[in-house]
Amino acid sequence: MHADIVAIGVAYLFGVLARIIGLPPLVGYLAAGFTLHALGGRITPVLHEFSEMGVTLLLFSIGLKLRLRSLLMPQIWGVASLHMALAVGLAMLLLSVVGSLGLPLFSALDGRQIAVLAFALSFSSTVFAVKVLEEKGEMNALYGRIAIGILIVQDIAAVVFLGASTGKLPSIWALSLLLLLPARPLLYRLLEQSGRGELQILFGLMLALGGAQLFELVGVKGDLGALILGVLLAGNARAPELSHQLLGFKDLFLVGFFLSIGLSGPVSAEILVVALSLLLLVPLKTVLFFGLLSAFRLRARTALLATLSLANYSEFGLIVAAVAASAGWLGSEWLIAVAVAVALSFVLAAPLNSMSHGLYRRHRSLFTRFESPRRIEEESPIEAGDASVLIFGMGRVGSGAYDRIRERLGETVAGVDLDQETVERQLAAGRRVIHGSATDPDFWSRFRLQRGQLKLVLLALPHFRENITAAAQLKSLGYDGRIAAVAKYPDEVPVLEDAGVDAAYNLYAEAGAGFAEHVYRELLAGIEA
């Protein structure tokens, strides 16, 4: 237990350091594992259990988000499939060429090892992409949805590999797993009866971990069982809640996985050279993604932002390499080399993603050369009608502002939101809402307005940095109308004003005044009269 506490403490310190310099904490966890091994540390039973549970919960959470309809876009399944095939083929070719040159470790690879290694390196990181998209508030942007969809297709391929890695046929009792399909309504009922507290968490843990064990009992890989049970719940309205509740547990247990990888062996100079060599494949993966996404009729900006989210190696590649090492298909030194390559790919990808919007603005003419002349429907020209007021962000605040402005100014107001489901809900509610993003420099080129028609823009986006970026974007495009924005904290108001916002409103401070005014109007006014 003492060793486990030390390992967790070191992981925390290295994770904080990684976060301070703008890297995902998992880079710090890998570094902590390498450091602990150099100091004589080894994998403990507790860390091993953490590792197993983390991978199981990761796959269960992927299953909860898996909606087949969302994967039907050719830009998702087509790009993911073609990219994996091309990336694996190119990686196998390059690994064979490097091996023929007699370089250390590479020269000892046989055909099967080259294929497994190329497969592991074809994945991009789900953890990295989700963290980046959440921090930028662009998880539901078109490029974010496409990137996540591609990652889910990759994850499914990894799970199939994991399921086949046992090298043995399932028992005849595996057919009984088909009974889970008619049991789906019961699972829905149990989820709904669990409420939103600790019972919901217990239900999720029981289903993920217990389901994995159930599949293991009949000779099927438990990880595949966790994914399938997650898929069975994916159609329930509370599946996103359950996924959110389990997020902290999944991230916590995955710390054990990353620590275990680092503790698997020493990082020698030879392994470091091999890891740096493997990094040369990342630019090839990146160019392939951009080329394929552009060929599938996406705008250059959408293709670039999705590509940068995927320009790295993956924790799933590590899982594939770990399974291959445990099966004797790869040496343990290759597991360490892949782990170092994954960490280094995050080091390179983090700054690229933080400046992705600026990168596109500066080199827009270069990237647009690769655009297809045709567009998918979601990126076609936008008709604004006679709108003179635009509200960006149609959540509760934006919807309330829309209704009040429409009461006073009539139908000259329009809303904009980057979440297609939100747009559809708002249209069904009778509001005029357009799919788009205030931080997209190409949005205005698609947006058809008469010069001087737009008088007021309200920024009600959920993330403070988004409002700042949107205000700067409007000013850079020469917009001379009025801008209003919401803030959640007092210190955000002056920053918004410095960015060009004419009126910034502190949501929480204004909420109390608004509540008091509502109570007075509805209750106290009648009493005074």
Protein backbone atom coordinates (compact mmCIF):
# COMPACT_ATOMS: atom_id res chain seq x y z
CA MET A 1 0.00 0.00 0.00
CA HIS A 2 2.89 2.36 0.77
CA ALA A 3 4.24 1.95 -2.77
CA ASP A 4 0.78 2.64 -4.24
CA ILE A 5 0.40 5.87 -2.27
CA VAL A 6 3.85 7.04 -3.38
CA ALA A 7 3.00 6.20 -7.01
CA ILE A 8 -0.28 8.14 -6.84
CA GLY A 9 1.49 11.13 -5.25
CA VAL A 10 4.21 11.15 -7.91
CA ALA A 11 1.56 10.79 -10.64
CA TYR A 12 -0.28 13.81 -9.22
CA LEU A 13 2.87 15.97 -9.16
CA PHE A 14 3.85 15.04 -12.71
CA GLY A 15 0.25 15.49 -13.89
CA VAL A 16 0.14 19.02 -12.44
CA LEU A 17 3.46 19.87 -14.11
CA ALA A 18 2.13 18.61 -17.45
CA ARG A 19 -1.02 20.70 -17.04
CA ILE A 20 0.98 23.83 -16.17
CA ILE A 21 2.94 23.60 -19.42
CA GLY A 22 -0.22 22.99 -21.45
CA LEU A 23 -0.05 19.21 -21.91
CA PRO A 24 -2.68 16.58 -21.06
CA PRO A 25 -2.06 15.18 -17.54
CA LEU A 26 -1.67 11.67 -18.97
CA VAL A 27 1.72 12.76 -20.36
CA GLY A 28 2.69 13.45 -16.75
CA TYR A 29 1.39 10.05 -15.62
CA LEU A 30 3.53 8.28 -18.23
CA ALA A 31 6.55 10.35 -17.17
CA ALA A 32 5.80 9.48 -13.52
CA GLY A 33 5.82 5.79 -14.40
CA PHE A 34 9.14 6.07 -16.21
CA THR A 35 10.63 7.99 -13.27
CA LEU A 36 9.36 5.50 -10.68
CA HIS A 37 10.82 2.60 -12.67
CA ALA A 38 14.18 4.37 -12.85
CA LEU A 39 14.04 4.69 -9.04
CA GLY A 40 13.31 0.99 -8.58
CA GLY A 41 9.51 1.05 -8.62
CA ARG A 42 7.49 -1.81 -10.09
CA ILE A 43 3.85 -2.52 -10.98
CA THR A 44 1.81 -3.42 -7.88
CA PRO A 45 -1.40 -5.51 -7.75
CA VAL A 46 -3.41 -2.38 -6.90
CA LEU A 47 -2.06 -0.44 -9.89
CA HIS A 48 -2.73 -3.46 -12.10
CA GLU A 49 -6.36 -3.56 -10.93
CA PHE A 50 -6.69 0.19 -11.47
CA SER A 51 -5.34 -0.30 -14.99
CA GLU A 52 -7.83 -3.06 -15.82
CA MET A 53 -10.78 -1.12 -14.41
CA GLY A 54 -9.76 2.06 -16.23
CA VAL A 55 -9.70 0.36 -19.63
CA THR A 56 -13.03 -1.36 -18.90
CA LEU A 57 -14.72 1.93 -17.92
CA LEU A 58 -13.20 3.67 -20.95
CA LEU A 59 -14.81 1.13 -23.27
CA PHE A 60 -18.12 1.24 -21.37
CA SER A 61 -18.21 5.05 -21.68
CA ILE A 62 -17.50 4.79 -25.41
CA GLY A 63 -20.42 2.39 -25.71
CA LEU A 64 -22.69 4.87 -23.90
CA LYS A 65 -21.90 7.49 -26.56
CA LEU A 66 -22.15 5.14 -29.52
CA ARG A 67 -25.15 5.99 -31.69
CA LEU A 68 -24.95 4.27 -35.04
CA ARG A 69 -26.82 7.11 -36.75
CA SER A 70 -24.07 9.54 -35.80
CA LEU A 71 -21.50 7.34 -37.56
CA LEU A 72 -23.40 7.17 -40.86
CA MET A 73 -21.82 10.34 -42.29
CA PRO A 74 -19.36 9.34 -45.04
CA GLN A 75 -17.02 11.94 -43.55
CA ILE A 76 -16.85 9.69 -40.46
CA TRP A 77 -16.99 6.02 -41.42
CA GLY A 78 -15.50 6.56 -44.88
CA VAL A 79 -12.57 8.68 -43.69
CA ALA A 80 -11.93 6.48 -40.64
CA SER A 81 -11.90 3.26 -42.67
CA LEU A 82 -9.78 4.60 -45.52
CA HIS A 83 -7.37 6.33 -43.17
CA MET A 84 -6.83 3.21 -41.07
CA ALA A 85 -6.19 1.08 -44.16
CA LEU A 86 -3.80 3.60 -45.71
CA ALA A 87 -2.04 4.45 -42.43
CA VAL A 88 -1.46 0.79 -41.56
CA GLY A 89 -0.18 0.07 -45.08
CA LEU A 90 2.20 3.04 -45.09
CA ALA A 91 3.43 2.29 -41.57
CA MET A 92 4.13 -1.34 -42.47
CA LEU A 93 6.07 -0.22 -45.54
CA LEU A 94 8.15 2.32 -43.62
CA LEU A 95 8.82 -0.03 -40.70
CA SER A 96 9.99 -2.69 -43.16
CA VAL A 97 12.29 -0.20 -44.90
CA VAL A 98 13.75 1.01 -41.60
CA GLY A 99 14.22 -2.60 -40.48
CA SER A 100 16.09 -3.43 -43.67
CA LEU A 101 18.57 -0.65 -42.82
CA GLY A 102 19.61 -2.61 -39.72
CA LEU A 103 18.52 -0.05 -37.12
CA PRO A 104 18.24 -1.35 -33.51
CA LEU A 105 14.93 -3.03 -32.60
CA PHE A 106 13.50 -2.40 -36.09
CA SER A 107 15.74 -5.02 -37.69
CA ALA A 108 14.41 -7.74 -35.36
CA LEU A 109 10.75 -7.23 -36.34
CA ASP A 110 9.01 -9.99 -38.28
CA GLY A 111 5.92 -9.61 -40.47
CA ARG A 112 3.36 -10.15 -37.70
CA GLN A 113 5.12 -7.74 -35.34
CA ILE A 114 5.27 -5.08 -38.06
CA ALA A 115 1.53 -5.50 -38.72
CA VAL A 116 0.60 -5.24 -35.02
CA LEU A 117 2.86 -2.23 -34.49
CA ALA A 118 1.48 -0.46 -37.58
CA PHE A 119 -2.07 -1.13 -36.36
CA ALA A 120 -1.27 0.31 -32.91
CA LEU A 121 0.23 3.45 -34.47
CA SER A 122 -2.78 4.06 -36.73
CA PHE A 123 -4.97 5.22 -33.81
CA SER A 124 -5.47 8.79 -32.64
CA SER A 125 -6.16 9.70 -29.03
CA THR A 126 -9.77 9.86 -27.83
CA VAL A 127 -8.67 11.26 -24.45
CA PHE A 128 -6.59 14.03 -26.05
CA ALA A 129 -9.29 15.03 -28.56
CA VAL A 130 -12.05 15.11 -25.94
CA LYS A 131 -9.92 17.23 -23.58
CA VAL A 132 -9.00 19.68 -26.35
CA LEU A 133 -12.57 19.98 -27.64
CA GLU A 134 -14.01 20.43 -24.14
CA GLU A 135 -11.48 23.15 -23.28
CA LYS A 136 -12.33 25.03 -26.49
CA GLY A 137 -16.08 24.44 -26.03
CA GLU A 138 -16.29 22.92 -29.52
CA MET A 139 -17.31 19.34 -28.77
CA ASN A 140 -20.56 19.85 -30.73
CA ALA A 141 -19.04 21.82 -33.59
CA LEU A 142 -19.13 20.01 -36.94
CA TYR A 143 -15.40 19.35 -36.92
CA GLY A 144 -15.59 18.15 -33.30
CA ARG A 145 -18.41 15.72 -34.07
CA ILE A 146 -16.54 14.39 -37.09
CA ALA A 147 -13.30 13.96 -35.11
CA ILE A 148 -15.10 12.13 -32.27
CA GLY A 149 -16.98 9.97 -34.79
CA ILE A 150 -13.72 8.95 -36.47
CA LEU A 151 -12.24 8.11 -33.07
CA ILE A 152 -15.25 5.94 -32.19
CA VAL A 153 -14.82 3.97 -35.44
CA GLN A 154 -11.14 3.51 -34.55
CA ASP A 155 -12.09 2.44 -31.03
CA ILE A 156 -14.48 -0.17 -32.41
CA ALA A 157 -11.62 -1.58 -34.52
CA ALA A 158 -9.45 -1.71 -31.39
CA VAL A 159 -12.15 -3.53 -29.43
CA VAL A 160 -12.50 -6.11 -32.21
CA PHE A 161 -8.73 -6.64 -32.00
CA LEU A 162 -8.90 -6.99 -28.22
CA GLY A 163 -11.74 -9.47 -28.53
CA ALA A 164 -9.75 -11.57 -31.00
CA SER A 165 -6.50 -11.32 -29.02
CA THR A 166 -7.41 -14.13 -26.63
CA GLY A 167 -6.62 -16.59 -29.40
CA LYS A 168 -9.37 -19.00 -28.32
CA LEU A 169 -12.96 -19.65 -29.32
CA PRO A 170 -15.78 -18.62 -26.95
CA SER A 171 -17.64 -21.39 -25.14
CA ILE A 172 -21.07 -22.56 -26.25
CA TRP A 173 -22.48 -20.55 -23.33
CA ALA A 174 -21.52 -17.35 -25.17
CA LEU A 175 -24.78 -17.74 -27.11
CA SER A 176 -26.61 -16.95 -23.87
CA LEU A 177 -25.28 -13.39 -24.15
CA LEU A 178 -27.94 -12.82 -26.81
CA LEU A 179 -30.42 -12.69 -23.92
CA LEU A 180 -29.03 -9.24 -23.13
CA LEU A 181 -31.01 -7.87 -26.09
CA PRO A 182 -34.48 -8.62 -24.66
CA ALA A 183 -33.13 -7.51 -21.25
CA ARG A 184 -32.59 -3.99 -22.58
CA PRO A 185 -35.92 -2.59 -21.27
CA LEU A 186 -35.04 -3.93 -17.82
CA LEU A 187 -31.65 -2.17 -17.95
CA TYR A 188 -33.41 1.05 -18.98
CA ARG A 189 -35.81 0.69 -16.07
CA LEU A 190 -32.98 0.09 -13.59
CA LEU A 191 -31.10 3.13 -14.89
CA GLU A 192 -34.16 5.35 -14.50
CA GLN A 193 -34.91 4.00 -11.01
CA SER A 194 -31.32 4.70 -9.92
CA GLY A 195 -31.90 8.45 -9.88
CA ARG A 196 -28.98 10.84 -10.28
CA GLY A 197 -26.82 10.20 -7.22
CA GLU A 198 -24.61 7.43 -5.93
CA LEU A 199 -27.08 4.74 -7.05
CA GLN A 200 -26.57 5.78 -10.65
CA ILE A 201 -22.79 5.54 -10.20
CA LEU A 202 -23.12 2.11 -8.56
CA PHE A 203 -25.35 0.93 -11.40
CA GLY A 204 -22.79 2.05 -13.97
CA LEU A 205 -19.87 0.42 -12.16
CA MET A 206 -21.86 -2.78 -11.62
CA LEU A 207 -22.84 -2.98 -15.27
CA ALA A 208 -19.40 -2.14 -16.69
CA LEU A 209 -17.25 -4.26 -14.37
CA GLY A 210 -19.81 -7.03 -13.81
CA GLY A 211 -20.61 -7.17 -17.51
CA ALA A 212 -16.93 -7.52 -18.36
CA GLN A 213 -16.66 -10.44 -15.94
CA LEU A 214 -19.79 -12.04 -17.41
CA PHE A 215 -18.26 -12.01 -20.89
CA GLU A 216 -14.98 -13.39 -19.54
CA LEU A 217 -16.86 -16.34 -17.98
CA VAL A 218 -18.04 -17.48 -21.42
CA GLY A 219 -14.69 -17.00 -23.13
CA VAL A 220 -15.27 -13.55 -24.65
CA LYS A 221 -12.92 -10.64 -23.97
CA GLY A 222 -14.32 -8.61 -21.07
CA ASP A 223 -13.46 -5.29 -22.73
CA LEU A 224 -15.81 -6.19 -25.59
CA GLY A 225 -18.52 -6.93 -23.01
CA ALA A 226 -18.12 -3.49 -21.43
CA LEU A 227 -18.52 -1.83 -24.83
CA ILE A 228 -21.61 -3.89 -25.74
CA LEU A 229 -23.33 -3.17 -22.42
CA GLY A 230 -22.63 0.53 -22.92
CA VAL A 231 -24.17 0.33 -26.41
CA LEU A 232 -27.29 -1.32 -24.95
CA LEU A 233 -27.82 1.76 -22.75
CA ALA A 234 -26.82 4.36 -25.36
CA GLY A 235 -30.38 4.99 -26.52
CA ASN A 236 -31.61 5.95 -23.05
CA ALA A 237 -32.06 9.64 -22.27
CA ARG A 238 -29.97 9.24 -19.11
CA ALA A 239 -26.98 7.63 -20.85
CA PRO A 240 -25.13 10.99 -21.14
CA GLU A 241 -25.72 11.58 -17.40
CA LEU A 242 -24.33 8.16 -16.54
CA SER A 243 -21.31 8.76 -18.75
CA HIS A 244 -20.69 12.08 -17.00
CA GLN A 245 -21.06 10.49 -13.54
CA LEU A 246 -18.48 7.81 -14.38
CA LEU A 247 -16.04 10.25 -15.99
CA GLY A 248 -14.06 10.89 -12.81
CA PHE A 249 -13.80 7.18 -11.98
CA LYS A 250 -12.68 6.35 -15.51
CA ASP A 251 -10.01 9.07 -15.48
CA LEU A 252 -8.84 8.04 -12.00
CA PHE A 253 -8.45 4.36 -12.86
CA LEU A 254 -6.75 5.19 -16.18
CA VAL A 255 -4.00 6.83 -14.13
CA GLY A 256 -3.17 3.28 -13.07
CA PHE A 257 -2.97 2.23 -16.72
CA PHE A 258 -0.56 5.00 -17.69
CA LEU A 259 1.55 4.45 -14.57
CA SER A 260 1.69 0.72 -15.35
CA ILE A 261 2.94 1.41 -18.87
CA GLY A 262 5.70 3.64 -17.54
CA LEU A 263 6.61 1.05 -14.92
CA SER A 264 6.88 -1.73 -17.51
CA GLY A 265 10.51 -1.08 -18.31
CA PRO A 266 13.38 1.42 -18.47
CA VAL A 267 13.65 4.18 -21.08
CA SER A 268 17.07 3.58 -22.59
CA ALA A 269 18.77 5.77 -25.19
CA GLU A 270 17.96 3.09 -27.76
CA ILE A 271 14.23 3.18 -26.94
CA LEU A 272 14.23 6.98 -27.05
CA VAL A 273 15.74 6.92 -30.56
CA VAL A 274 13.11 4.38 -31.65
CA ALA A 275 10.30 6.55 -30.19
CA LEU A 276 11.60 9.63 -32.01
CA SER A 277 11.73 7.59 -35.22
CA LEU A 278 8.11 6.53 -34.74
CA LEU A 279 7.12 10.21 -34.46
CA LEU A 280 7.98 10.62 -38.15
CA LEU A 281 4.76 8.75 -38.95
CA VAL A 282 2.58 11.44 -37.30
CA PRO A 283 2.97 14.00 -40.14
CA LEU A 284 1.99 11.27 -42.63
CA LYS A 285 -1.14 10.45 -40.59
CA THR A 286 -1.94 14.16 -40.40
CA VAL A 287 -1.61 14.79 -44.15
CA LEU A 288 -3.74 11.70 -44.83
CA PHE A 289 -6.52 12.97 -42.56
CA PHE A 290 -6.55 16.44 -44.13
CA GLY A 291 -6.53 15.05 -47.66
CA LEU A 292 -9.34 12.58 -47.01
CA LEU A 293 -11.54 15.06 -45.11
CA SER A 294 -11.10 17.62 -47.90
CA ALA A 295 -11.91 14.99 -50.52
CA PHE A 296 -15.13 14.22 -48.64
CA ARG A 297 -16.41 17.78 -49.34
CA LEU A 298 -15.56 19.50 -46.06
CA ARG A 299 -14.40 23.11 -45.98
CA ALA A 300 -10.69 23.60 -45.41
CA ARG A 301 -11.27 25.00 -41.91
CA THR A 302 -13.40 22.05 -40.82
CA ALA A 303 -10.91 19.58 -42.31
CA LEU A 304 -7.94 21.32 -40.67
CA LEU A 305 -9.44 21.59 -37.18
CA ALA A 306 -10.60 17.96 -37.24
CA THR A 307 -7.17 16.90 -38.51
CA LEU A 308 -5.27 18.71 -35.76
CA SER A 309 -7.51 17.05 -33.15
CA LEU A 310 -6.37 13.69 -34.54
CA ALA A 311 -2.68 14.50 -35.13
CA ASN A 312 -1.20 12.22 -32.45
CA TYR A 313 -0.86 8.65 -31.26
CA SER A 314 -3.38 7.06 -28.94
CA GLU A 315 -3.86 5.51 -25.54
CA PHE A 316 -5.73 2.80 -27.48
CA GLY A 317 -2.55 2.19 -29.43
CA LEU A 318 -0.91 1.66 -26.04
CA ILE A 319 -3.65 -0.79 -25.06
CA VAL A 320 -3.16 -2.70 -28.34
CA ALA A 321 0.62 -2.73 -27.78
CA ALA A 322 0.15 -3.88 -24.17
CA VAL A 323 -2.12 -6.76 -25.25
CA ALA A 324 0.35 -7.70 -27.99
CA ALA A 325 3.22 -7.65 -25.49
CA SER A 326 1.31 -9.83 -23.00
CA ALA A 327 0.52 -12.29 -25.82
CA GLY A 328 4.19 -12.44 -26.78
CA TRP A 329 3.68 -10.80 -30.17
CA LEU A 330 5.81 -7.75 -29.27
CA GLY A 331 8.75 -7.37 -26.92
CA SER A 332 8.26 -5.26 -23.79
CA GLU A 333 10.78 -2.77 -25.16
CA TRP A 334 8.34 -1.94 -27.96
CA LEU A 335 5.60 -1.23 -25.42
CA ILE A 336 7.89 1.34 -23.76
CA ALA A 337 8.87 2.81 -27.14
CA VAL A 338 5.21 3.22 -28.14
CA ALA A 339 4.43 4.81 -24.74
CA VAL A 340 7.22 7.37 -25.20
CA ALA A 341 6.06 8.04 -28.77
CA VAL A 342 2.48 8.61 -27.54
CA ALA A 343 3.69 11.08 -24.90
CA LEU A 344 5.89 12.94 -27.39
CA SER A 345 3.04 13.13 -29.92
CA PHE A 346 0.92 14.89 -27.28
CA VAL A 347 3.76 17.33 -26.63
CA LEU A 348 3.71 18.25 -30.33
CA ALA A 349 -0.08 18.21 -30.75
CA ALA A 350 -0.98 20.37 -27.71
CA PRO A 351 0.42 23.71 -29.00
CA LEU A 352 -0.88 23.02 -32.52
CA ASN A 353 -4.42 22.64 -31.20
CA SER A 354 -4.22 25.67 -28.93
CA MET A 355 -3.40 27.89 -31.93
CA SER A 356 -5.52 26.02 -34.51
CA HIS A 357 -7.92 28.91 -35.24
CA GLY A 358 -5.07 31.38 -35.67
CA LEU A 359 -3.19 28.91 -37.84
CA TYR A 360 -6.12 28.72 -40.22
CA ARG A 361 -6.64 32.49 -40.30
CA ARG A 362 -2.97 33.12 -41.13
CA HIS A 363 -2.72 30.45 -43.83
CA ARG A 364 -6.29 30.39 -45.07
CA SER A 365 -5.35 30.86 -48.73
CA LEU A 366 -3.02 27.85 -48.55
CA PHE A 367 -5.54 25.48 -46.97
CA THR A 368 -8.47 26.52 -49.18
CA ARG A 369 -6.56 25.35 -52.26
CA PHE A 370 -7.41 21.80 -51.25
CA GLU A 371 -11.15 22.39 -50.82
CA SER A 372 -13.61 20.47 -52.94
CA PRO A 373 -15.84 22.77 -55.04
CA ARG A 374 -18.89 20.98 -53.59
CA ARG A 375 -20.07 21.28 -49.98
CA ILE A 376 -22.02 19.09 -47.61
CA GLU A 377 -25.37 20.52 -46.53
CA GLU A 378 -24.12 21.69 -43.12
CA GLU A 379 -21.55 23.93 -44.80
CA SER A 380 -23.72 25.46 -47.54
CA PRO A 381 -24.58 29.23 -47.69
CA ILE A 382 -26.74 30.57 -44.83
CA GLU A 383 -29.86 32.67 -45.42
CA ALA A 384 -30.40 35.26 -42.66
CA GLY A 385 -33.52 36.94 -44.03
CA ASP A 386 -34.13 40.38 -42.51
CA ALA A 387 -32.36 39.69 -39.19
CA SER A 388 -30.88 42.77 -37.53
CA VAL A 389 -30.08 41.05 -34.20
CA LEU A 390 -28.05 37.85 -33.89
CA ILE A 391 -27.73 35.77 -30.72
CA PHE A 392 -24.83 33.31 -30.59
CA GLY A 393 -25.39 30.43 -28.18
CA MET A 394 -28.99 29.25 -27.91
CA GLY A 395 -28.89 27.64 -24.48
CA ARG A 396 -31.14 28.84 -21.66
CA VAL A 397 -29.66 32.35 -21.61
CA GLY A 398 -29.71 32.76 -25.38
CA SER A 399 -33.25 31.38 -25.65
CA GLY A 400 -34.52 33.75 -22.96
CA ALA A 401 -32.85 36.72 -24.66
CA TYR A 402 -34.31 35.66 -28.01
CA ASP A 403 -37.87 35.55 -26.66
CA ARG A 404 -37.60 38.94 -24.93
CA ILE A 405 -36.09 40.65 -28.00
CA ARG A 406 -38.72 39.09 -30.27
CA GLU A 407 -41.45 40.49 -27.99
CA ARG A 408 -40.04 43.99 -28.46
CA LEU A 409 -38.61 43.99 -32.01
CA GLY A 410 -40.64 41.31 -33.75
CA GLU A 411 -39.14 38.71 -36.10
CA THR A 412 -35.91 40.63 -36.79
CA VAL A 413 -33.93 38.41 -34.41
CA ALA A 414 -32.14 35.15 -35.27
CA GLY A 415 -30.16 32.69 -33.17
CA VAL A 416 -26.98 30.80 -34.03
CA ASP A 417 -25.71 27.61 -32.37
CA LEU A 418 -23.02 25.11 -33.34
CA ASP A 419 -24.91 22.09 -31.92
CA GLN A 420 -27.17 20.65 -34.63
CA GLU A 421 -29.47 18.99 -32.07
CA THR A 422 -29.93 22.34 -30.30
CA VAL A 423 -30.76 23.97 -33.63
CA GLU A 424 -33.39 21.32 -34.37
CA ARG A 425 -34.98 21.73 -30.91
CA GLN A 426 -35.09 25.52 -31.30
CA LEU A 427 -36.65 25.29 -34.77
CA ALA A 428 -39.29 22.93 -33.37
CA ALA A 429 -40.01 25.53 -30.65
CA GLY A 430 -40.71 28.17 -33.32
CA ARG A 431 -37.46 30.13 -33.09
CA ARG A 432 -35.41 31.09 -36.15
CA VAL A 433 -32.05 29.47 -35.41
CA ILE A 434 -29.12 28.82 -37.76
CA HIS A 435 -26.36 26.25 -37.46
CA GLY A 436 -22.98 27.96 -37.22
CA SER A 437 -20.13 29.14 -34.99
CA ALA A 438 -19.20 32.68 -33.99
CA THR A 439 -15.52 31.66 -33.83
CA ASP A 440 -15.53 30.38 -37.43
CA PRO A 441 -13.94 32.99 -39.74
CA ASP A 442 -15.72 31.39 -42.71
CA PHE A 443 -19.14 31.67 -41.06
CA TRP A 444 -19.59 35.24 -42.26
CA SER A 445 -18.57 34.36 -45.82
CA ARG A 446 -21.45 31.83 -45.82
CA PHE A 447 -23.83 34.24 -44.09
CA ARG A 448 -25.87 36.35 -46.53
CA LEU A 449 -26.60 39.81 -45.09
CA GLN A 450 -27.08 43.23 -46.64
CA ARG A 451 -24.36 45.73 -45.69
CA GLY A 452 -25.36 47.56 -42.50
CA GLN A 453 -28.29 45.21 -41.86
CA LEU A 454 -26.87 43.74 -38.64
CA LYS A 455 -27.20 46.17 -35.70
CA LEU A 456 -26.64 44.05 -32.59
CA VAL A 457 -24.82 40.81 -31.74
CA LEU A 458 -25.38 39.04 -28.40
CA LEU A 459 -22.70 36.55 -27.34
CA ALA A 460 -24.23 33.99 -24.97
CA LEU A 461 -21.68 31.24 -25.57
CA PRO A 462 -21.00 28.83 -22.67
CA HIS A 463 -17.24 29.38 -22.52
CA PHE A 464 -15.64 32.72 -21.68
CA ARG A 465 -12.79 32.26 -24.20
CA GLU A 466 -15.34 31.62 -26.94
CA ASN A 467 -16.97 35.00 -26.29
CA ILE A 468 -13.56 36.69 -26.40
CA THR A 469 -12.64 34.97 -29.67
CA ALA A 470 -16.03 35.76 -31.21
CA ALA A 471 -15.79 39.46 -30.28
CA ALA A 472 -12.29 39.69 -31.74
CA GLN A 473 -13.50 37.87 -34.86
CA LEU A 474 -16.33 40.37 -35.36
CA LYS A 475 -14.01 43.36 -34.98
CA SER A 476 -11.43 41.90 -37.36
CA LEU A 477 -14.13 41.48 -40.02
CA GLY A 478 -15.04 45.17 -39.80
CA TYR A 479 -18.35 44.82 -37.95
CA ASP A 480 -19.29 48.27 -36.58
CA GLY A 481 -22.55 47.42 -34.79
CA ARG A 482 -23.06 46.87 -31.09
CA ILE A 483 -21.83 43.76 -29.22
CA ALA A 484 -23.15 42.45 -25.90
CA ALA A 485 -21.81 39.40 -24.06
CA VAL A 486 -22.42 37.39 -20.90
CA ALA A 487 -19.84 36.71 -18.18
CA LYS A 488 -19.94 34.28 -15.27
CA TYR A 489 -17.47 36.08 -12.98
CA PRO A 490 -16.80 39.77 -12.23
CA ASP A 491 -13.19 39.66 -13.48
CA GLU A 492 -14.39 38.54 -16.93
CA VAL A 493 -16.34 41.76 -17.56
CA PRO A 494 -13.34 44.11 -18.11
CA VAL A 495 -11.62 41.50 -20.29
CA LEU A 496 -14.69 41.31 -22.53
CA GLU A 497 -14.87 45.10 -22.72
CA ASP A 498 -11.20 45.26 -23.70
CA ALA A 499 -11.95 42.76 -26.49
CA GLY A 500 -14.47 45.17 -28.01
CA VAL A 501 -17.71 44.22 -26.22
CA ASP A 502 -19.93 47.26 -25.67
CA ALA A 503 -21.94 45.75 -22.81
CA ALA A 504 -20.89 42.78 -20.66
CA TYR A 505 -23.32 41.29 -18.16
CA ASN A 506 -22.36 39.20 -15.14
CA LEU A 507 -24.89 36.36 -15.24
CA TYR A 508 -24.86 35.56 -11.54
CA ALA A 509 -24.91 39.18 -10.39
CA GLU A 510 -27.73 40.06 -12.79
CA ALA A 511 -29.69 36.89 -11.96
CA GLY A 512 -30.49 38.09 -8.43
CA ALA A 513 -31.76 41.43 -9.67
CA GLY A 514 -33.81 39.74 -12.39
CA PHE A 515 -35.32 37.30 -9.88
CA ALA A 516 -36.28 40.15 -7.53
CA GLU A 517 -37.87 42.10 -10.41
CA HIS A 518 -39.85 39.01 -11.47
CA VAL A 519 -41.10 38.41 -7.90
CA TYR A 520 -42.06 42.06 -7.53
CA ARG A 521 -43.94 42.09 -10.85
CA GLU A 522 -45.76 38.79 -10.25
CA LEU A 523 -46.40 38.92 -6.49
CA LEU A 524 -45.60 42.15 -4.67
CA ALA A 525 -47.13 44.57 -7.17
CA GLY A 526 -50.59 43.09 -6.55
CA ILE A 527 -50.13 43.30 -2.78
CA GLU A 528 -49.12 46.98 -2.90
CA ALA A 529 -52.08 47.79 -5.08
